[in-house]
PDB file of all heavy atoms in Angstrom:
ATOM      1  N   LEU A   1     -95.261 -99.255  14.970  1.00  0.00           N
ATOM      2  CA  LEU A   1     -94.923 -99.430  13.562  1.00  0.00           C
ATOM      3  C   LEU A   1     -96.111 -99.878  12.721  1.00  0.00           C
ATOM      4  O   LEU A   1     -96.105 -99.739  11.498  1.00  0.00           O
ATOM      5  CB  LEU A   1     -93.772-100.431  13.414  1.00  0.00           C
ATOM      6  CG  LEU A   1     -92.446-100.072  14.078  1.00  0.00           C
ATOM      7  CD1 LEU A   1     -91.341-100.983  13.560  1.00  0.00           C
ATOM      8  CD2 LEU A   1     -92.066 -98.614  13.855  1.00  0.00           C
ATOM      9  N   ARG A   2     -97.144-100.403  13.363  1.00  0.00           N
ATOM     10  CA  ARG A   2     -98.323-100.815  12.608  1.00  0.00           C
ATOM     11  C   ARG A   2     -99.037 -99.613  12.002  1.00  0.00           C
ATOM     12  O   ARG A   2     -99.652 -99.710  10.938  1.00  0.00           O
ATOM     13  CB  ARG A   2     -99.283-101.587  13.521  1.00  0.00           C
ATOM     14  CG  ARG A   2     -98.697-102.871  14.071  1.00  0.00           C
ATOM     15  CD  ARG A   2     -99.596-103.485  15.125  1.00  0.00           C
ATOM     16  NE  ARG A   2     -99.777-102.621  16.281  1.00  0.00           N
ATOM     17  CZ  ARG A   2    -100.517-102.922  17.343  1.00  0.00           C
ATOM     18  NH1 ARG A   2    -101.139-104.088  17.382  1.00  0.00           N
ATOM     19  NH2 ARG A   2    -100.629-102.084  18.357  1.00  0.00           N
ATOM     20  N   ILE A   3     -98.931 -98.478  12.681  1.00  0.00           N
ATOM     21  CA  ILE A   3     -99.617 -97.262  12.221  1.00  0.00           C
ATOM     22  C   ILE A   3     -98.977 -96.717  10.943  1.00  0.00           C
ATOM     23  O   ILE A   3     -99.647 -96.132  10.094  1.00  0.00           O
ATOM     24  CB  ILE A   3     -99.598 -96.196  13.339  1.00  0.00           C
ATOM     25  CG1 ILE A   3    -100.435 -96.677  14.532  1.00  0.00           C
ATOM     26  CG2 ILE A   3    -100.105 -94.851  12.842  1.00  0.00           C
ATOM     27  CD1 ILE A   3    -100.347 -95.794  15.753  1.00  0.00           C
ATOM     28  N   VAL A   4     -97.673 -96.924  10.795  1.00  0.00           N
ATOM     29  CA  VAL A   4     -96.943 -96.388   9.634  1.00  0.00           C
ATOM     30  C   VAL A   4     -96.591 -97.496   8.642  1.00  0.00           C
ATOM     31  O   VAL A   4     -95.618 -97.398   7.899  1.00  0.00           O
ATOM     32  CB  VAL A   4     -95.672 -95.639  10.081  1.00  0.00           C
ATOM     33  CG1 VAL A   4     -96.029 -94.381  10.836  1.00  0.00           C
ATOM     34  CG2 VAL A   4     -94.774 -96.545  10.930  1.00  0.00           C
ATOM     35  N   ASP A   5     -97.401 -98.548   8.625  1.00  0.00           N
ATOM     36  CA  ASP A   5     -97.207 -99.670   7.698  1.00  0.00           C
ATOM     37  C   ASP A   5     -95.804-100.257   7.813  1.00  0.00           C
ATOM     38  O   ASP A   5     -95.169-100.593   6.817  1.00  0.00           O
ATOM     39  CB  ASP A   5     -97.493 -99.236   6.260  1.00  0.00           C
ATOM     40  CG  ASP A   5     -97.672-100.429   5.315  1.00  0.00           C
ATOM     41  OD1 ASP A   5     -98.057-101.515   5.800  1.00  0.00           O
ATOM     42  OD2 ASP A   5     -97.403-100.282   4.115  1.00  0.00           O
ATOM     43  N   PHE A   6     -95.318-100.358   9.048  1.00  0.00           N
ATOM     44  CA  PHE A   6     -94.034-100.980   9.365  1.00  0.00           C
ATOM     45  C   PHE A   6     -92.848-100.276   8.705  1.00  0.00           C
ATOM     46  O   PHE A   6     -91.821-100.887   8.436  1.00  0.00           O
ATOM     47  CB  PHE A   6     -94.053-102.482   9.032  1.00  0.00           C
ATOM     48  CG  PHE A   6     -95.162-103.201   9.735  1.00  0.00           C
ATOM     49  CD1 PHE A   6     -96.331-103.526   9.064  1.00  0.00           C
ATOM     50  CD2 PHE A   6     -95.058-103.500  11.079  1.00  0.00           C
ATOM     51  CE1 PHE A   6     -97.380-104.156   9.722  1.00  0.00           C
ATOM     52  CE2 PHE A   6     -96.100-104.127  11.753  1.00  0.00           C
ATOM     53  CZ  PHE A   6     -97.259-104.455  11.075  1.00  0.00           C
ATOM     54  N   ASP A   7     -93.013 -98.995   8.448  1.00  0.00           N
ATOM     55  CA  ASP A   7     -91.882 -98.185   7.990  1.00  0.00           C
ATOM     56  C   ASP A   7     -90.964 -97.938   9.188  1.00  0.00           C
ATOM     57  O   ASP A   7     -91.423 -97.583  10.265  1.00  0.00           O
ATOM     58  CB  ASP A   7     -92.377 -96.856   7.438  1.00  0.00           C
ATOM     59  CG  ASP A   7     -91.240 -95.965   7.015  1.00  0.00           C
ATOM     60  OD1 ASP A   7     -90.418 -96.405   6.191  1.00  0.00           O
ATOM     61  OD2 ASP A   7     -91.161 -94.826   7.516  1.00  0.00           O
ATOM     62  N   CYS A   8     -89.671 -98.141   9.008  1.00  0.00           N
ATOM     63  CA  CYS A   8     -88.720 -98.092  10.129  1.00  0.00           C
ATOM     64  C   CYS A   8     -87.966 -96.775  10.220  1.00  0.00           C
ATOM     65  O   CYS A   8     -86.954 -96.682  10.922  1.00  0.00           O
ATOM     66  CB  CYS A   8     -87.735 -99.252  10.015  1.00  0.00           C
ATOM     67  SG  CYS A   8     -88.526-100.869  10.014  1.00  0.00           S
ATOM     68  N   SER A   9     -88.448 -95.734   9.532  1.00  0.00           N
ATOM     69  CA  SER A   9     -87.742 -94.449   9.526  1.00  0.00           C
ATOM     70  C   SER A   9     -87.615 -93.863  10.925  1.00  0.00           C
ATOM     71  O   SER A   9     -86.589 -93.262  11.273  1.00  0.00           O
ATOM     72  CB  SER A   9     -88.467 -93.458   8.613  1.00  0.00           C
ATOM     73  OG  SER A   9     -88.485 -93.915   7.284  1.00  0.00           O
ATOM     74  N   GLY A  10     -88.668 -94.025  11.745  1.00  0.00           N
ATOM     75  CA  GLY A  10     -88.615 -93.497  13.112  1.00  0.00           C
ATOM     76  C   GLY A  10     -87.518 -94.135  13.940  1.00  0.00           C
ATOM     77  O   GLY A  10     -86.865 -93.477  14.763  1.00  0.00           O
ATOM     78  N   ILE A  11     -87.292 -95.422  13.728  1.00  0.00           N
ATOM     79  CA  ILE A  11     -86.214 -96.120  14.430  1.00  0.00           C
ATOM     80  C   ILE A  11     -84.870 -95.518  14.029  1.00  0.00           C
ATOM     81  O   ILE A  11     -84.023 -95.220  14.878  1.00  0.00           O
ATOM     82  CB  ILE A  11     -86.239 -97.629  14.111  1.00  0.00           C
ATOM     83  CG1 ILE A  11     -87.474 -98.288  14.728  1.00  0.00           C
ATOM     84  CG2 ILE A  11     -84.970 -98.308  14.618  1.00  0.00           C
ATOM     85  CD1 ILE A  11     -87.639 -99.750  14.352  1.00  0.00           C
ATOM     86  N   LEU A  12     -84.673 -95.324  12.724  1.00  0.00           N
ATOM     87  CA  LEU A  12     -83.389 -94.810  12.240  1.00  0.00           C
ATOM     88  C   LEU A  12     -83.148 -93.365  12.671  1.00  0.00           C
ATOM     89  O   LEU A  12     -82.008 -92.984  12.983  1.00  0.00           O
ATOM     90  CB  LEU A  12     -83.306 -94.938  10.718  1.00  0.00           C
ATOM     91  CG  LEU A  12     -82.712 -96.247  10.212  1.00  0.00           C
ATOM     92  CD1 LEU A  12     -83.513 -97.462  10.681  1.00  0.00           C
ATOM     93  CD2 LEU A  12     -82.620 -96.246   8.687  1.00  0.00           C
ATOM     94  N   ASP A  13     -84.197 -92.558  12.718  1.00  0.00           N
ATOM     95  CA  ASP A  13     -84.043 -91.170  13.190  1.00  0.00           C
ATOM     96  C   ASP A  13     -83.572 -91.147  14.640  1.00  0.00           C
ATOM     97  O   ASP A  13     -82.673 -90.375  15.004  1.00  0.00           O
ATOM     98  CB  ASP A  13     -85.365 -90.417  13.056  1.00  0.00           C
ATOM     99  CG  ASP A  13     -85.757 -90.155  11.605  1.00  0.00           C
ATOM    100  OD1 ASP A  13     -84.875 -90.251  10.731  1.00  0.00           O
ATOM    101  OD2 ASP A  13     -86.949 -89.868  11.351  1.00  0.00           O
ATOM    102  N   ASN A  14     -84.187 -91.986  15.471  1.00  0.00           N
ATOM    103  CA  ASN A  14     -83.768 -92.063  16.873  1.00  0.00           C
ATOM    104  C   ASN A  14     -82.361 -92.637  17.004  1.00  0.00           C
ATOM    105  O   ASN A  14     -81.597 -92.232  17.886  1.00  0.00           O
ATOM    106  CB  ASN A  14     -84.751 -92.928  17.659  1.00  0.00           C
ATOM    107  CG  ASN A  14     -85.987 -92.170  18.093  1.00  0.00           C
ATOM    108  OD1 ASN A  14     -85.953 -91.372  19.026  1.00  0.00           O
ATOM    109  ND2 ASN A  14     -87.087 -92.400  17.399  1.00  0.00           N
ATOM    110  N   LEU A  15     -82.024 -93.569  16.129  1.00  0.00           N
ATOM    111  CA  LEU A  15     -80.695 -94.173  16.163  1.00  0.00           C
ATOM    112  C   LEU A  15     -79.619 -93.136  15.886  1.00  0.00           C
ATOM    113  O   LEU A  15     -78.582 -93.092  16.570  1.00  0.00           O
ATOM    114  CB  LEU A  15     -80.620 -95.309  15.142  1.00  0.00           C
ATOM    115  CG  LEU A  15     -79.300 -96.078  15.058  1.00  0.00           C
ATOM    116  CD1 LEU A  15     -78.923 -96.693  16.404  1.00  0.00           C
ATOM    117  CD2 LEU A  15     -79.390 -97.161  13.987  1.00  0.00           C
ATOM    118  N   LYS A  16     -79.832 -92.282  14.903  1.00  0.00           N
ATOM    119  CA  LYS A  16     -78.868 -91.220  14.592  1.00  0.00           C
ATOM    120  C   LYS A  16     -78.669 -90.313  15.807  1.00  0.00           C
ATOM    121  O   LYS A  16     -77.537 -89.952  16.153  1.00  0.00           O
ATOM    122  CB  LYS A  16     -79.346 -90.399  13.403  1.00  0.00           C
ATOM    123  CG  LYS A  16     -79.242 -91.118  12.074  1.00  0.00           C
ATOM    124  CD  LYS A  16     -79.776 -90.248  10.938  1.00  0.00           C
ATOM    125  CE  LYS A  16     -79.708 -90.997   9.609  1.00  0.00           C
ATOM    126  NZ  LYS A  16     -80.253 -90.203   8.490  1.00  0.00           N
ATOM    127  N   MET A  17     -79.765 -89.945  16.439  1.00  0.00           N
ATOM    128  CA  MET A  17     -79.681 -89.067  17.609  1.00  0.00           C
ATOM    129  C   MET A  17     -78.885 -89.719  18.726  1.00  0.00           C
ATOM    130  O   MET A  17     -78.011 -89.100  19.347  1.00  0.00           O
ATOM    131  CB  MET A  17     -81.086 -88.718  18.099  1.00  0.00           C
ATOM    132  CG  MET A  17     -81.114 -87.838  19.344  1.00  0.00           C
ATOM    133  SD  MET A  17     -82.777 -87.243  19.739  1.00  0.00           S
ATOM    134  CE  MET A  17     -83.659 -88.773  20.024  1.00  0.00           C
ATOM    135  N   LEU A  18     -79.142 -90.995  18.979  1.00  0.00           N
ATOM    136  CA  LEU A  18     -78.489 -91.696  20.083  1.00  0.00           C
ATOM    137  C   LEU A  18     -77.009 -91.923  19.801  1.00  0.00           C
ATOM    138  O   LEU A  18     -76.164 -91.766  20.691  1.00  0.00           O
ATOM    139  CB  LEU A  18     -79.205 -93.033  20.316  1.00  0.00           C
ATOM    140  CG  LEU A  18     -79.155 -93.656  21.703  1.00  0.00           C
ATOM    141  CD1 LEU A  18     -79.486 -92.659  22.790  1.00  0.00           C
ATOM    142  CD2 LEU A  18     -80.105 -94.844  21.767  1.00  0.00           C
ATOM    143  N   ILE A  19     -76.672 -92.282  18.576  1.00  0.00           N
ATOM    144  CA  ILE A  19     -75.275 -92.510  18.213  1.00  0.00           C
ATOM    145  C   ILE A  19     -74.456 -91.236  18.385  1.00  0.00           C
ATOM    146  O   ILE A  19     -73.294 -91.279  18.819  1.00  0.00           O
ATOM    147  CB  ILE A  19     -75.176 -93.032  16.765  1.00  0.00           C
ATOM    148  CG1 ILE A  19     -75.590 -94.511  16.713  1.00  0.00           C
ATOM    149  CG2 ILE A  19     -73.766 -92.852  16.201  1.00  0.00           C
ATOM    150  CD1 ILE A  19     -75.673 -95.087  15.321  1.00  0.00           C
ATOM    151  N   ASN A  20     -75.057 -90.104  18.084  1.00  0.00           N
ATOM    152  CA  ASN A  20     -74.324 -88.828  18.098  1.00  0.00           C
ATOM    153  C   ASN A  20     -74.369 -88.091  19.425  1.00  0.00           C
ATOM    154  O   ASN A  20     -73.839 -86.983  19.526  1.00  0.00           O
ATOM    155  CB  ASN A  20     -74.864 -87.919  16.987  1.00  0.00           C
ATOM    156  CG  ASN A  20     -74.558 -88.445  15.603  1.00  0.00           C
ATOM    157  OD1 ASN A  20     -73.435 -88.866  15.324  1.00  0.00           O
ATOM    158  ND2 ASN A  20     -75.552 -88.446  14.730  1.00  0.00           N
ATOM    159  N   ASP A  21     -74.980 -88.668  20.459  1.00  0.00           N
ATOM    160  CA  ASP A  21     -75.122 -87.954  21.741  1.00  0.00           C
ATOM    161  C   ASP A  21     -74.656 -88.839  22.894  1.00  0.00           C
ATOM    162  O   ASP A  21     -75.426 -89.622  23.451  1.00  0.00           O
ATOM    163  CB  ASP A  21     -76.591 -87.551  21.925  1.00  0.00           C
ATOM    164  CG  ASP A  21     -76.788 -86.554  23.059  1.00  0.00           C
ATOM    165  OD1 ASP A  21     -75.954 -86.544  23.998  1.00  0.00           O
ATOM    166  OD2 ASP A  21     -77.778 -85.804  23.012  1.00  0.00           O
ATOM    167  N   PHE A  22     -73.400 -88.697  23.266  1.00  0.00           N
ATOM    168  CA  PHE A  22     -72.829 -89.501  24.348  1.00  0.00           C
ATOM    169  C   PHE A  22     -73.558 -89.253  25.669  1.00  0.00           C
ATOM    170  O   PHE A  22     -73.843 -90.199  26.417  1.00  0.00           O
ATOM    171  CB  PHE A  22     -71.339 -89.187  24.519  1.00  0.00           C
ATOM    172  CG  PHE A  22     -70.742 -89.763  25.771  1.00  0.00           C
ATOM    173  CD1 PHE A  22     -70.425 -91.121  25.854  1.00  0.00           C
ATOM    174  CD2 PHE A  22     -70.529 -88.965  26.896  1.00  0.00           C
ATOM    175  CE1 PHE A  22     -69.895 -91.660  27.024  1.00  0.00           C
ATOM    176  CE2 PHE A  22     -70.000 -89.499  28.068  1.00  0.00           C
ATOM    177  CZ  PHE A  22     -69.685 -90.849  28.124  1.00  0.00           C
ATOM    178  N   GLU A  23     -73.847 -88.002  25.987  1.00  0.00           N
ATOM    179  CA  GLU A  23     -74.489 -87.684  27.263  1.00  0.00           C
ATOM    180  C   GLU A  23     -75.871 -88.322  27.359  1.00  0.00           C
ATOM    181  O   GLU A  23     -76.277 -88.779  28.432  1.00  0.00           O
ATOM    182  CB  GLU A  23     -74.584 -86.166  27.450  1.00  0.00           C
ATOM    183  CG  GLU A  23     -73.244 -85.477  27.668  1.00  0.00           C
ATOM    184  CD  GLU A  23     -72.518 -86.000  28.905  1.00  0.00           C
ATOM    185  OE1 GLU A  23     -73.201 -86.370  29.891  1.00  0.00           O
ATOM    186  OE2 GLU A  23     -71.275 -86.057  28.889  1.00  0.00           O
ATOM    187  N   LEU A  24     -76.594 -88.360  26.256  1.00  0.00           N
ATOM    188  CA  LEU A  24     -77.909 -89.003  26.261  1.00  0.00           C
ATOM    189  C   LEU A  24     -77.751 -90.501  26.493  1.00  0.00           C
ATOM    190  O   LEU A  24     -78.493 -91.092  27.280  1.00  0.00           O
ATOM    191  CB  LEU A  24     -78.627 -88.745  24.934  1.00  0.00           C
ATOM    192  CG  LEU A  24     -79.996 -89.426  24.755  1.00  0.00           C
ATOM    193  CD1 LEU A  24     -80.962 -89.012  25.867  1.00  0.00           C
ATOM    194  CD2 LEU A  24     -80.592 -89.108  23.382  1.00  0.00           C
ATOM    195  N   ARG A  25     -76.780 -91.119  25.818  1.00  0.00           N
ATOM    196  CA  ARG A  25     -76.550 -92.545  26.026  1.00  0.00           C
ATOM    197  C   ARG A  25     -76.190 -92.835  27.480  1.00  0.00           C
ATOM    198  O   ARG A  25     -76.682 -93.789  28.085  1.00  0.00           O
ATOM    199  CB  ARG A  25     -75.425 -93.067  25.109  1.00  0.00           C
ATOM    200  CG  ARG A  25     -75.740 -92.994  23.643  1.00  0.00           C
ATOM    201  CD  ARG A  25     -74.852 -93.914  22.811  1.00  0.00           C
ATOM    202  NE  ARG A  25     -73.435 -93.722  23.048  1.00  0.00           N
ATOM    203  CZ  ARG A  25     -72.676 -92.798  22.463  1.00  0.00           C
ATOM    204  NH1 ARG A  25     -73.215 -91.951  21.601  1.00  0.00           N
ATOM    205  NH2 ARG A  25     -71.383 -92.711  22.724  1.00  0.00           N
TER     206      ARG A  25
END
């Protein structure tokens, strides 16, 4: 997150993917 000035968009993108994919979880 230091590279992107602590922008948390990458966290939220991964969160959407994980919430919507039972098999991945």
